Amino acid sequence: MYKTLSGILVHVYQADICSLNVDCIVNAANSMLLHGDGVAAVIQRKAGDDLKNEGDEYIRRYGEIKDGSVIETCAGRLPYKYVLHAVGPRWSDYDTRSRKGRGDCRAALLQPVLQ
């Protein structure tokens, strides 16, 4: 558990991400929001077309998401207010830029939580 300076509690769970009693979940996304496998694919499958369509529209409108960025989409059929898609650095590309991207991603994830 992490408590922000404004008193918001942030919990980290090890469980089925699609069945938690929380306001939002974080998806480790790629820069094109292609939820092809792993946890991202499970989230998309359970959320349904609304989540996918909103992500596709974001990419169509704004293009590829840069490392360290977070975007918010609806949660579709999932019981959450929204899903945060965090694009972190790829381990295979690990360098100074990637280390910076990790910090950027952490900071970007806290923004919606603090609102």
PDB file of N, CA and C in Angstrom:
ATOM      1  N   MET A   1       0.843  -1.172   0.000  1.00  0.00           N
ATOM      2  CA  MET A   1       0.000   0.000   0.000  1.00  0.00           C
ATOM      3  C   MET A   1       0.892   1.240   0.000  1.00  0.00           C
ATOM      4  N   TYR A   2       0.429   2.263  -0.698  1.00  0.00           N
ATOM      5  CA  TYR A   2       1.151   3.524  -0.806  1.00  0.00           C
ATOM      6  C   TYR A   2       0.166   4.646  -0.517  1.00  0.00           C
ATOM      7  N   LYS A   3       0.558   5.598   0.300  1.00  0.00           N
ATOM      8  CA  LYS A   3      -0.297   6.742   0.606  1.00  0.00           C
ATOM      9  C   LYS A   3       0.311   7.982  -0.039  1.00  0.00           C
ATOM     10  N   THR A   4      -0.481   8.645  -0.883  1.00  0.00           N
ATOM     11  CA  THR A   4      -0.001   9.850  -1.548  1.00  0.00           C
ATOM     12  C   THR A   4       0.052  11.002  -0.556  1.00  0.00           C
ATOM     13  N   LEU A   5       0.700  12.075  -0.946  1.00  0.00           N
ATOM     14  CA  LEU A   5       0.787  13.252  -0.086  1.00  0.00           C
ATOM     15  C   LEU A   5      -0.585  13.831   0.223  1.00  0.00           C
ATOM     16  N   SER A   6      -1.541  13.631  -0.688  1.00  0.00           N
ATOM     17  CA  SER A   6      -2.893  14.141  -0.448  1.00  0.00           C
ATOM     18  C   SER A   6      -3.770  13.138   0.298  1.00  0.00           C
ATOM     19  N   GLY A   7      -3.176  12.015   0.742  1.00  0.00           N
ATOM     20  CA  GLY A   7      -3.900  11.064   1.575  1.00  0.00           C
ATOM     21  C   GLY A   7      -4.628   9.959   0.836  1.00  0.00           C
ATOM     22  N   ILE A   8      -4.445   9.856  -0.470  1.00  0.00           N
ATOM     23  CA  ILE A   8      -5.094   8.794  -1.239  1.00  0.00           C
ATOM     24  C   ILE A   8      -4.293   7.510  -1.071  1.00  0.00           C
ATOM     25  N   LEU A   9      -4.986   6.411  -0.759  1.00  0.00           N
ATOM     26  CA  LEU A   9      -4.327   5.119  -0.605  1.00  0.00           C
ATOM     27  C   LEU A   9      -4.289   4.396  -1.942  1.00  0.00           C
ATOM     28  N   VAL A  10      -3.107   3.954  -2.331  1.00  0.00           N
ATOM     29  CA  VAL A  10      -2.916   3.184  -3.547  1.00  0.00           C
ATOM     30  C   VAL A  10      -2.508   1.782  -3.115  1.00  0.00           C
ATOM     31  N   HIS A  11      -3.286   0.778  -3.545  1.00  0.00           N
ATOM     32  CA  HIS A  11      -3.014  -0.612  -3.176  1.00  0.00           C
ATOM     33  C   HIS A  11      -2.466  -1.366  -4.382  1.00  0.00           C
ATOM     34  N   VAL A  12      -1.574  -2.290  -4.126  1.00  0.00           N
ATOM     35  CA  VAL A  12      -1.048  -3.175  -5.154  1.00  0.00           C
ATOM     36  C   VAL A  12      -1.470  -4.588  -4.781  1.00  0.00           C
ATOM     37  N   TYR A  13      -2.107  -5.297  -5.733  1.00  0.00           N
ATOM     38  CA  TYR A  13      -2.635  -6.632  -5.481  1.00  0.00           C
ATOM     39  C   TYR A  13      -1.959  -7.658  -6.372  1.00  0.00           C
ATOM     40  N   GLN A  14      -1.948  -8.902  -5.891  1.00  0.00           N
ATOM     41  CA  GLN A  14      -1.592 -10.035  -6.733  1.00  0.00           C
ATOM     42  C   GLN A  14      -2.847 -10.892  -6.796  1.00  0.00           C
ATOM     43  N   ALA A  15      -3.594 -10.760  -7.889  1.00  0.00           N
ATOM     44  CA  ALA A  15      -4.884 -11.436  -8.024  1.00  0.00           C
ATOM     45  C   ALA A  15      -5.333 -11.338  -9.477  1.00  0.00           C
ATOM     46  N   ASP A  16      -6.527 -11.830  -9.749  1.00  0.00           N
ATOM     47  CA  ASP A  16      -7.140 -11.667 -11.067  1.00  0.00           C
ATOM     48  C   ASP A  16      -7.502 -10.198 -11.235  1.00  0.00           C
ATOM     49  N   ILE A  17      -6.812  -9.507 -12.107  1.00  0.00           N
ATOM     50  CA  ILE A  17      -6.983  -8.059 -12.263  1.00  0.00           C
ATOM     51  C   ILE A  17      -8.402  -7.680 -12.684  1.00  0.00           C
ATOM     52  N   CYS A  18      -9.119  -8.608 -13.274  1.00  0.00           N
ATOM     53  CA  CYS A  18     -10.472  -8.305 -13.759  1.00  0.00           C
ATOM     54  C   CYS A  18     -11.554  -8.556 -12.717  1.00  0.00           C
ATOM     55  N   SER A  19     -11.166  -8.893 -11.498  1.00  0.00           N
ATOM     56  CA  SER A  19     -12.187  -9.152 -10.476  1.00  0.00           C
ATOM     57  C   SER A  19     -11.886  -8.442  -9.160  1.00  0.00           C
ATOM     58  N   LEU A  20     -11.129  -7.369  -9.218  1.00  0.00           N
ATOM     59  CA  LEU A  20     -10.793  -6.624  -8.007  1.00  0.00           C
ATOM     60  C   LEU A  20     -11.876  -5.604  -7.682  1.00  0.00           C
ATOM     61  N   ASN A  21     -12.041  -5.307  -6.409  1.00  0.00           N
ATOM     62  CA  ASN A  21     -12.988  -4.290  -5.957  1.00  0.00           C
ATOM     63  C   ASN A  21     -12.230  -2.965  -5.821  1.00  0.00           C
ATOM     64  N   VAL A  22     -11.959  -2.330  -6.980  1.00  0.00           N
ATOM     65  CA  VAL A  22     -11.177  -1.091  -7.030  1.00  0.00           C
ATOM     66  C   VAL A  22     -11.833  -0.121  -8.020  1.00  0.00           C
ATOM     67  N   ASP A  23     -11.384   1.127  -8.015  1.00  0.00           N
ATOM     68  CA  ASP A  23     -11.927   2.131  -8.936  1.00  0.00           C
ATOM     69  C   ASP A  23     -11.385   1.996 -10.354  1.00  0.00           C
ATOM     70  N   CYS A  24     -10.105   1.628 -10.476  1.00  0.00           N
ATOM     71  CA  CYS A  24      -9.510   1.483 -11.803  1.00  0.00           C
ATOM     72  C   CYS A  24      -8.404   0.443 -11.743  1.00  0.00           C
ATOM     73  N   ILE A  25      -7.999  -0.019 -12.924  1.00  0.00           N
ATOM     74  CA  ILE A  25      -6.872  -0.941 -13.020  1.00  0.00           C
ATOM     75  C   ILE A  25      -5.854  -0.349 -13.988  1.00  0.00           C
ATOM     76  N   VAL A  26      -4.619  -0.845 -13.896  1.00  0.00           N
ATOM     77  CA  VAL A  26      -3.539  -0.394 -14.774  1.00  0.00           C
ATOM     78  C   VAL A  26      -3.142  -1.544 -15.685  1.00  0.00           C
ATOM     79  N   ASN A  27      -3.132  -1.268 -16.965  1.00  0.00           N
ATOM     80  CA  ASN A  27      -2.728  -2.222 -17.974  1.00  0.00           C
ATOM     81  C   ASN A  27      -1.332  -1.847 -18.469  1.00  0.00           C
ATOM     82  N   ALA A  28      -0.405  -2.795 -18.431  1.00  0.00           N
ATOM     83  CA  ALA A  28       0.925  -2.574 -19.013  1.00  0.00           C
ATOM     84  C   ALA A  28       0.772  -2.691 -20.523  1.00  0.00           C
ATOM     85  N   ALA A  29       0.728  -1.554 -21.196  1.00  0.00           N
ATOM     86  CA  ALA A  29       0.388  -1.514 -22.619  1.00  0.00           C
ATOM     87  C   ALA A  29       1.617  -1.300 -23.490  1.00  0.00           C
ATOM     88  N   ASN A  30       1.455  -1.610 -24.773  1.00  0.00           N
ATOM     89  CA  ASN A  30       2.483  -1.240 -25.740  1.00  0.00           C
ATOM     90  C   ASN A  30       2.085   0.079 -26.391  1.00  0.00           C
ATOM     91  N   SER A  31       2.969   0.636 -27.164  1.00  0.00           N
ATOM     92  CA  SER A  31       2.783   1.994 -27.685  1.00  0.00           C
ATOM     93  C   SER A  31       1.641   2.133 -28.690  1.00  0.00           C
ATOM     94  N   MET A  32       1.133   1.025 -29.209  1.00  0.00           N
ATOM     95  CA  MET A  32       0.025   1.069 -30.167  1.00  0.00           C
ATOM     96  C   MET A  32      -1.274   0.512 -29.576  1.00  0.00           C
ATOM     97  N   LEU A  33      -1.273   0.229 -28.276  1.00  0.00           N
ATOM     98  CA  LEU A  33      -2.436  -0.344 -27.582  1.00  0.00           C
ATOM     99  C   LEU A  33      -2.934  -1.616 -28.259  1.00  0.00           C
ATOM    100  N   LEU A  34      -1.992  -2.443 -28.695  1.00  0.00           N
ATOM    101  CA  LEU A  34      -2.332  -3.741 -29.269  1.00  0.00           C
ATOM    102  C   LEU A  34      -2.316  -4.758 -28.136  1.00  0.00           C
ATOM    103  N   HIS A  35      -3.465  -5.149 -27.691  1.00  0.00           N
ATOM    104  CA  HIS A  35      -3.594  -6.030 -26.530  1.00  0.00           C
ATOM    105  C   HIS A  35      -3.602  -7.485 -26.995  1.00  0.00           C
ATOM    106  N   GLY A  36      -2.507  -7.908 -27.603  1.00  0.00           N
ATOM    107  CA  GLY A  36      -2.460  -9.200 -28.266  1.00  0.00           C
ATOM    108  C   GLY A  36      -2.350 -10.416 -27.375  1.00  0.00           C
ATOM    109  N   ASP A  37      -1.666 -10.290 -26.241  1.00  0.00           N
ATOM    110  CA  ASP A  37      -1.506 -11.464 -25.388  1.00  0.00           C
ATOM    111  C   ASP A  37      -1.318 -11.040 -23.941  1.00  0.00           C
ATOM    112  N   GLY A  38      -1.183 -12.019 -23.075  1.00  0.00           N
ATOM    113  CA  GLY A  38      -0.951 -11.751 -21.658  1.00  0.00           C
ATOM    114  C   GLY A  38      -2.124 -11.070 -20.984  1.00  0.00           C
ATOM    115  N   VAL A  39      -1.814 -10.322 -19.948  1.00  0.00           N
ATOM    116  CA  VAL A  39      -2.835  -9.647 -19.144  1.00  0.00           C
ATOM    117  C   VAL A  39      -3.618  -8.646 -19.992  1.00  0.00           C
ATOM    118  N   ALA A  40      -2.942  -7.944 -20.885  1.00  0.00           N
ATOM    119  CA  ALA A  40      -3.625  -6.961 -21.735  1.00  0.00           C
ATOM    120  C   ALA A  40      -4.729  -7.615 -22.561  1.00  0.00           C
ATOM    121  N   ALA A  41      -4.465  -8.804 -23.095  1.00  0.00           N
ATOM    122  CA  ALA A  41      -5.470  -9.512 -23.892  1.00  0.00           C
ATOM    123  C   ALA A  41      -6.653  -9.931 -23.028  1.00  0.00           C
ATOM    124  N   VAL A  42      -6.378 -10.363 -21.809  1.00  0.00           N
ATOM    125  CA  VAL A  42      -7.457 -10.753 -20.892  1.00  0.00           C
ATOM    126  C   VAL A  42      -8.327  -9.541 -20.566  1.00  0.00           C
ATOM    127  N   ILE A  43      -7.688  -8.418 -20.255  1.00  0.00           N
ATOM    128  CA  ILE A  43      -8.442  -7.193 -19.951  1.00  0.00           C
ATOM    129  C   ILE A  43      -9.316  -6.814 -21.139  1.00  0.00           C
ATOM    130  N   GLN A  44      -8.756  -6.802 -22.333  1.00  0.00           N
ATOM    131  CA  GLN A  44      -9.536  -6.422 -23.516  1.00  0.00           C
ATOM    132  C   GLN A  44     -10.691  -7.382 -23.754  1.00  0.00           C
ATOM    133  N   ARG A  45     -10.435  -8.668 -23.646  1.00  0.00           N
ATOM    134  CA  ARG A  45     -11.486  -9.664 -23.885  1.00  0.00           C
ATOM    135  C   ARG A  45     -12.641  -9.486 -22.906  1.00  0.00           C
ATOM    136  N   LYS A  46     -12.314  -9.288 -21.626  1.00  0.00           N
ATOM    137  CA  LYS A  46     -13.366  -9.149 -20.616  1.00  0.00           C
ATOM    138  C   LYS A  46     -14.046  -7.782 -20.669  1.00  0.00           C
ATOM    139  N   ALA A  47     -13.325  -6.751 -21.095  1.00  0.00           N
ATOM    140  CA  ALA A  47     -13.905  -5.406 -21.186  1.00  0.00           C
ATOM    141  C   ALA A  47     -14.810  -5.277 -22.406  1.00  0.00           C
ATOM    142  N   GLY A  48     -14.469  -5.960 -23.483  1.00  0.00           N
ATOM    143  CA  GLY A  48     -15.279  -5.892 -24.695  1.00  0.00           C
ATOM    144  C   GLY A  48     -14.826  -4.822 -25.670  1.00  0.00           C
ATOM    145  N   ASP A  49     -15.662  -4.615 -26.675  1.00  0.00           N
ATOM    146  CA  ASP A  49     -15.310  -3.747 -27.802  1.00  0.00           C
ATOM    147  C   ASP A  49     -15.145  -2.279 -27.435  1.00  0.00           C
ATOM    148  N   ASP A  50     -15.861  -1.794 -26.428  1.00  0.00           N
ATOM    149  CA  ASP A  50     -15.770  -0.365 -26.093  1.00  0.00           C
ATOM    150  C   ASP A  50     -14.340   0.039 -25.746  1.00  0.00           C
ATOM    151  N   LEU A  51     -13.662  -0.756 -24.922  1.00  0.00           N
ATOM    152  CA  LEU A  51     -12.282  -0.454 -24.546  1.00  0.00           C
ATOM    153  C   LEU A  51     -11.379  -0.472 -25.779  1.00  0.00           C
ATOM    154  N   LYS A  52     -11.499  -1.505 -26.599  1.00  0.00           N
ATOM    155  CA  LYS A  52     -10.678  -1.613 -27.810  1.00  0.00           C
ATOM    156  C   LYS A  52     -10.946  -0.452 -28.759  1.00  0.00           C
ATOM    157  N   ASN A  53     -12.211  -0.146 -28.990  1.00  0.00           N
ATOM    158  CA  ASN A  53     -12.561   0.930 -29.923  1.00  0.00           C
ATOM    159  C   ASN A  53     -12.049   2.283 -29.442  1.00  0.00           C
ATOM    160  N   GLU A  54     -12.136   2.526 -28.144  1.00  0.00           N
ATOM    161  CA  GLU A  54     -11.639   3.795 -27.609  1.00  0.00           C
ATOM    162  C   GLU A  54     -10.124   3.900 -27.767  1.00  0.00           C
ATOM    163  N   GLY A  55      -9.420   2.793 -27.517  1.00  0.00           N
ATOM    164  CA  GLY A  55      -7.969   2.779 -27.718  1.00  0.00           C
ATOM    165  C   GLY A  55      -7.592   2.966 -29.179  1.00  0.00           C
ATOM    166  N   ASP A  56      -8.309   2.275 -30.068  1.00  0.00           N
ATOM    167  CA  ASP A  56      -8.052   2.416 -31.508  1.00  0.00           C
ATOM    168  C   ASP A  56      -8.271   3.859 -31.962  1.00  0.00           C
ATOM    169  N   GLU A  57      -9.320   4.485 -31.458  1.00  0.00           N
ATOM    170  CA  GLU A  57      -9.614   5.874 -31.821  1.00  0.00           C
ATOM    171  C   GLU A  57      -8.507   6.811 -31.325  1.00  0.00           C
ATOM    172  N   TYR A  58      -7.997   6.549 -30.117  1.00  0.00           N
ATOM    173  CA  TYR A  58      -6.905   7.369 -29.584  1.00  0.00           C
ATOM    174  C   TYR A  58      -5.685   7.282 -30.506  1.00  0.00           C
ATOM    175  N   ILE A  59      -5.314   6.064 -30.887  1.00  0.00           N
ATOM    176  CA  ILE A  59      -4.146   5.859 -31.755  1.00  0.00           C
ATOM    177  C   ILE A  59      -4.384   6.510 -33.121  1.00  0.00           C
ATOM    178  N   ARG A  60      -5.582   6.376 -33.664  1.00  0.00           N
ATOM    179  CA  ARG A  60      -5.899   6.984 -34.962  1.00  0.00           C
ATOM    180  C   ARG A  60      -5.748   8.505 -34.895  1.00  0.00           C
ATOM    181  N   ARG A  61      -6.210   9.074 -33.795  1.00  0.00           N
ATOM    182  CA  ARG A  61      -6.216  10.530 -33.650  1.00  0.00           C
ATOM    183  C   ARG A  61      -4.836  11.096 -33.295  1.00  0.00           C
ATOM    184  N   TYR A  62      -4.136  10.438 -32.349  1.00  0.00           N
ATOM    185  CA  TYR A  62      -2.896  11.019 -31.806  1.00  0.00           C
ATOM    186  C   TYR A  62      -1.625  10.258 -32.174  1.00  0.00           C
ATOM    187  N   GLY A  63      -1.766   9.045 -32.674  1.00  0.00           N
ATOM    188  CA  GLY A  63      -0.590   8.260 -33.033  1.00  0.00           C
ATOM    189  C   GLY A  63      -0.042   7.458 -31.860  1.00  0.00           C
ATOM    190  N   GLU A  64       1.108   6.888 -32.092  1.00  0.00           N
ATOM    191  CA  GLU A  64       1.777   6.018 -31.125  1.00  0.00           C
ATOM    192  C   GLU A  64       1.992   6.738 -29.789  1.00  0.00           C
ATOM    193  N   ILE A  65       1.845   5.993 -28.700  1.00  0.00           N
ATOM    194  CA  ILE A  65       2.005   6.545 -27.353  1.00  0.00           C
ATOM    195  C   ILE A  65       3.470   6.403 -26.949  1.00  0.00           C
ATOM    196  N   LYS A  66       4.066   7.471 -26.468  1.00  0.00           N
ATOM    197  CA  LYS A  66       5.494   7.424 -26.133  1.00  0.00           C
ATOM    198  C   LYS A  66       5.723   6.724 -24.789  1.00  0.00           C
ATOM    199  N   ASP A  67       6.908   6.160 -24.641  1.00  0.00           N
ATOM    200  CA  ASP A  67       7.306   5.521 -23.383  1.00  0.00           C
ATOM    201  C   ASP A  67       7.142   6.500 -22.230  1.00  0.00           C
ATOM    202  N   GLY A  68       6.639   5.989 -21.125  1.00  0.00           N
ATOM    203  CA  GLY A  68       6.463   6.817 -19.941  1.00  0.00           C
ATOM    204  C   GLY A  68       5.117   7.508 -19.879  1.00  0.00           C
ATOM    205  N   SER A  69       4.276   7.288 -20.890  1.00  0.00           N
ATOM    206  CA  SER A  69       2.961   7.931 -20.926  1.00  0.00           C
ATOM    207  C   SER A  69       1.869   6.981 -20.456  1.00  0.00           C
ATOM    208  N   VAL A  70       0.774   7.576 -20.026  1.00  0.00           N
ATOM    209  CA  VAL A  70      -0.398   6.819 -19.580  1.00  0.00           C
ATOM    210  C   VAL A  70      -1.624   7.440 -20.225  1.00  0.00           C
ATOM    211  N   ILE A  71      -2.491   6.597 -20.793  1.00  0.00           N
ATOM    212  CA  ILE A  71      -3.768   7.107 -21.274  1.00  0.00           C
ATOM    213  C   ILE A  71      -4.891   6.370 -20.555  1.00  0.00           C
ATOM    214  N   GLU A  72      -6.025   7.009 -20.500  1.00  0.00           N
ATOM    215  CA  GLU A  72      -7.202   6.470 -19.818  1.00  0.00           C
ATOM    216  C   GLU A  72      -8.250   6.103 -20.860  1.00  0.00           C
ATOM    217  N   THR A  73      -8.848   4.904 -20.692  1.00  0.00           N
ATOM    218  CA  THR A  73     -10.000   4.535 -21.516  1.00  0.00           C
ATOM    219  C   THR A  73     -11.120   4.088 -20.590  1.00  0.00           C
ATOM    220  N   CYS A  74     -12.281   3.902 -21.188  1.00  0.00           N
ATOM    221  CA  CYS A  74     -13.397   3.332 -20.437  1.00  0.00           C
ATOM    222  C   CYS A  74     -13.021   1.903 -20.039  1.00  0.00           C
ATOM    223  N   ALA A  75     -13.780   1.330 -19.147  1.00  0.00           N
ATOM    224  CA  ALA A  75     -13.533  -0.041 -18.702  1.00  0.00           C
ATOM    225  C   ALA A  75     -14.462  -1.038 -19.384  1.00  0.00           C
ATOM    226  N   GLY A  76     -15.322  -0.559 -20.271  1.00  0.00           N
ATOM    227  CA  GLY A  76     -16.228  -1.466 -20.972  1.00  0.00           C
ATOM    228  C   GLY A  76     -17.106  -2.236 -20.004  1.00  0.00           C
ATOM    229  N   ARG A  77     -17.113  -3.563 -20.142  1.00  0.00           N
ATOM    230  CA  ARG A  77     -17.945  -4.422 -19.284  1.00  0.00           C
ATOM    231  C   ARG A  77     -17.321  -4.701 -17.922  1.00  0.00           C
ATOM    232  N   LEU A  78     -16.106  -4.231 -17.701  1.00  0.00           N
ATOM    233  CA  LEU A  78     -15.465  -4.433 -16.401  1.00  0.00           C
ATOM    234  C   LEU A  78     -16.060  -3.460 -15.386  1.00  0.00           C
ATOM    235  N   PRO A  79     -16.032  -3.813 -14.098  1.00  0.00           N
ATOM    236  CA  PRO A  79     -16.709  -2.997 -13.076  1.00  0.00           C
ATOM    237  C   PRO A  79     -15.890  -1.810 -12.570  1.00  0.00           C
ATOM    238  N   TYR A  80     -15.106  -1.193 -13.438  1.00  0.00           N
ATOM    239  CA  TYR A  80     -14.237  -0.099 -13.024  1.00  0.00           C
ATOM    240  C   TYR A  80     -14.671   1.206 -13.668  1.00  0.00           C
ATOM    241  N   LYS A  81     -14.235   2.313 -13.095  1.00  0.00           N
ATOM    242  CA  LYS A  81     -14.526   3.622 -13.677  1.00  0.00           C
ATOM    243  C   LYS A  81     -13.750   3.809 -14.978  1.00  0.00           C
ATOM    244  N   TYR A  82     -12.532   3.290 -15.032  1.00  0.00           N
ATOM    245  CA  TYR A  82     -11.696   3.411 -16.218  1.00  0.00           C
ATOM    246  C   TYR A  82     -10.522   2.452 -16.114  1.00  0.00           C
ATOM    247  N   VAL A  83      -9.794   2.311 -17.219  1.00  0.00           N
ATOM    248  CA  VAL A  83      -8.557   1.531 -17.277  1.00  0.00           C
ATOM    249  C   VAL A  83      -7.442   2.495 -17.664  1.00  0.00           C
ATOM    250  N   LEU A  84      -6.350   2.454 -16.916  1.00  0.00           N
ATOM    251  CA  LEU A  84      -5.162   3.240 -17.245  1.00  0.00           C
ATOM    252  C   LEU A  84      -4.206   2.342 -18.022  1.00  0.00           C
ATOM    253  N   HIS A  85      -3.791   2.786 -19.191  1.00  0.00           N
ATOM    254  CA  HIS A  85      -2.865   2.035 -20.037  1.00  0.00           C
ATOM    255  C   HIS A  85      -1.503   2.709 -19.936  1.00  0.00           C
ATOM    256  N   ALA A  86      -0.565   2.054 -19.260  1.00  0.00           N
ATOM    257  CA  ALA A  86       0.769   2.607 -19.019  1.00  0.00           C
ATOM    258  C   ALA A  86       1.756   2.009 -20.015  1.00  0.00           C
ATOM    259  N   VAL A  87       2.420   2.873 -20.753  1.00  0.00           N
ATOM    260  CA  VAL A  87       3.416   2.431 -21.729  1.00  0.00           C
ATOM    261  C   VAL A  87       4.793   2.665 -21.121  1.00  0.00           C
ATOM    262  N   GLY A  88       5.385   1.587 -20.666  1.00  0.00           N
ATOM    263  CA  GLY A  88       6.706   1.670 -20.061  1.00  0.00           C
ATOM    264  C   GLY A  88       7.778   1.273 -21.054  1.00  0.00           C
ATOM    265  N   PRO A  89       9.024   1.433 -20.679  1.00  0.00           N
ATOM    266  CA  PRO A  89      10.127   1.050 -21.571  1.00  0.00           C
ATOM    267  C   PRO A  89      10.211  -0.464 -21.720  1.00  0.00           C
ATOM    268  N   ARG A  90      10.683  -0.901 -22.868  1.00  0.00           N
ATOM    269  CA  ARG A  90      10.894  -2.331 -23.113  1.00  0.00           C
ATOM    270  C   ARG A  90      12.268  -2.714 -22.567  1.00  0.00           C
ATOM    271  N   TRP A  91      12.330  -3.835 -21.872  1.00  0.00           N
ATOM    272  CA  TRP A  91      13.588  -4.284 -21.290  1.00  0.00           C
ATOM    273  C   TRP A  91      14.667  -4.428 -22.358  1.00  0.00           C
ATOM    274  N   SER A  92      14.302  -4.911 -23.537  1.00  0.00           N
ATOM    275  CA  SER A  92      15.294  -5.113 -24.606  1.00  0.00           C
ATOM    276  C   SER A  92      15.887  -3.796 -25.098  1.00  0.00           C
ATOM    277  N   ASP A  93      15.212  -2.687 -24.822  1.00  0.00           N
ATOM    278  CA  ASP A  93      15.708  -1.371 -25.221  1.00  0.00           C
ATOM    279  C   ASP A  93      16.283  -0.607 -24.036  1.00  0.00           C
ATOM    280  N   TYR A  94      16.592  -1.309 -22.945  1.00  0.00           N
ATOM    281  CA  TYR A  94      16.959  -0.645 -21.699  1.00  0.00           C
ATOM    282  C   TYR A  94      18.225   0.184 -21.864  1.00  0.00           C
ATOM    283  N   ASP A  95      18.097   1.454 -21.583  1.00  0.00           N
ATOM    284  CA  ASP A  95      19.208   2.391 -21.597  1.00  0.00           C
ATOM    285  C   ASP A  95      18.792   3.590 -20.750  1.00  0.00           C
ATOM    286  N   THR A  96      19.537   4.655 -20.803  1.00  0.00           N
ATOM    287  CA  THR A  96      19.205   5.848 -20.014  1.00  0.00           C
ATOM    288  C   THR A  96      17.811   6.360 -20.353  1.00  0.00           C
ATOM    289  N   ARG A  97      17.439   6.329 -21.629  1.00  0.00           N
ATOM    290  CA  ARG A  97      16.115   6.790 -22.055  1.00  0.00           C
ATOM    291  C   ARG A  97      15.022   5.942 -21.399  1.00  0.00           C
ATOM    292  N   SER A  98      15.248   4.630 -21.309  1.00  0.00           N
ATOM    293  CA  SER A  98      14.264   3.744 -20.708  1.00  0.00           C
ATOM    294  C   SER A  98      14.139   3.981 -19.212  1.00  0.00           C
ATOM    295  N   ARG A  99      15.262   4.229 -18.550  1.00  0.00           N
ATOM    296  CA  ARG A  99      15.193   4.513 -17.110  1.00  0.00           C
ATOM    297  C   ARG A  99      14.377   5.774 -16.868  1.00  0.00           C
ATOM    298  N   LYS A 100      14.565   6.785 -17.715  1.00  0.00           N
ATOM    299  CA  LYS A 100      13.780   8.011 -17.609  1.00  0.00           C
ATOM    300  C   LYS A 100      12.304   7.702 -17.864  1.00  0.00           C
ATOM    301  N   GLY A 101      12.022   6.855 -18.854  1.00  0.00           N
ATOM    302  CA  GLY A 101      10.642   6.484 -19.179  1.00  0.00           C
ATOM    303  C   GLY A 101       9.931   5.818 -18.023  1.00  0.00           C
ATOM    304  N   ARG A 102      10.660   5.008 -17.259  1.00  0.00           N
ATOM    305  CA  ARG A 102      10.062   4.368 -16.078  1.00  0.00           C
ATOM    306  C   ARG A 102       9.600   5.405 -15.081  1.00  0.00           C
ATOM    307  N   GLY A 103      10.430   6.393 -14.812  1.00  0.00           N
ATOM    308  CA  GLY A 103      10.061   7.461 -13.882  1.00  0.00           C
ATOM    309  C   GLY A 103       8.902   8.282 -14.408  1.00  0.00           C
ATOM    310  N   ASP A 104       8.920   8.578 -15.714  1.00  0.00           N
ATOM    311  CA  ASP A 104       7.817   9.314 -16.328  1.00  0.00           C
ATOM    312  C   ASP A 104       6.515   8.542 -16.180  1.00  0.00           C
ATOM    313  N   CYS A 105       6.583   7.230 -16.369  1.00  0.00           N
ATOM    314  CA  CYS A 105       5.397   6.385 -16.291  1.00  0.00           C
ATOM    315  C   CYS A 105       4.831   6.390 -14.872  1.00  0.00           C
ATOM    316  N   ARG A 106       5.700   6.263 -13.877  1.00  0.00           N
ATOM    317  CA  ARG A 106       5.231   6.311 -12.482  1.00  0.00           C
ATOM    318  C   ARG A 106       4.518   7.625 -12.199  1.00  0.00           C
ATOM    319  N   ALA A 107       5.113   8.722 -12.613  1.00  0.00           N
ATOM    320  CA  ALA A 107       4.513  10.039 -12.376  1.00  0.00           C
ATOM    321  C   ALA A 107       3.181  10.166 -13.109  1.00  0.00           C
ATOM    322  N   ALA A 108       3.119   9.686 -14.347  1.00  0.00           N
ATOM    323  CA  ALA A 108       1.879   9.774 -15.125  1.00  0.00           C
ATOM    324  C   ALA A 108       0.775   8.928 -14.518  1.00  0.00           C
ATOM    325  N   LEU A 109       1.120   7.794 -13.936  1.00  0.00           N
ATOM    326  CA  LEU A 109       0.111   6.936 -13.306  1.00  0.00           C
ATOM    327  C   LEU A 109      -0.514   7.596 -12.092  1.00  0.00           C
ATOM    328  N   LEU A 110       0.246   8.390 -11.381  1.00  0.00           N
ATOM    329  CA  LEU A 110      -0.296   9.031 -10.182  1.00  0.00           C
ATOM    330  C   LEU A 110      -1.240  10.181 -10.506  1.00  0.00           C
ATOM    331  N   GLN A 111      -1.138  10.787 -11.681  1.00  0.00           N
ATOM    332  CA  GLN A 111      -1.980  11.940 -12.015  1.00  0.00           C
ATOM    333  C   GLN A 111      -3.475  11.645 -11.926  1.00  0.00           C
ATOM    334  N   PRO A 112      -4.001  10.582 -12.583  1.00  0.00           N
ATOM    335  CA  PRO A 112      -5.443  10.324 -12.471  1.00  0.00           C
ATOM    336  C   PRO A 112      -5.868   9.968 -11.044  1.00  0.00           C
ATOM    337  N   VAL A 113      -4.981   9.327 -10.313  1.00  0.00           N
ATOM    338  CA  VAL A 113      -5.291   8.935  -8.939  1.00  0.00           C
ATOM    339  C   VAL A 113      -5.468  10.165  -8.061  1.00  0.00           C
ATOM    340  N   LEU A 114      -4.698  11.196  -8.330  1.00  0.00           N
ATOM    341  CA  LEU A 114      -4.733  12.395  -7.501  1.00  0.00           C
ATOM    342  C   LEU A 114      -5.861  13.346  -7.867  1.00  0.00           C
ATOM    343  N   GLN A 115      -6.537  13.109  -8.970  1.00  0.00           N
ATOM    344  CA  GLN A 115      -7.626  14.008  -9.390  1.00  0.00           C
ATOM    345  C   GLN A 115      -8.900  13.744  -8.632  1.00  0.00           C
TER     346      GLN A 115
END
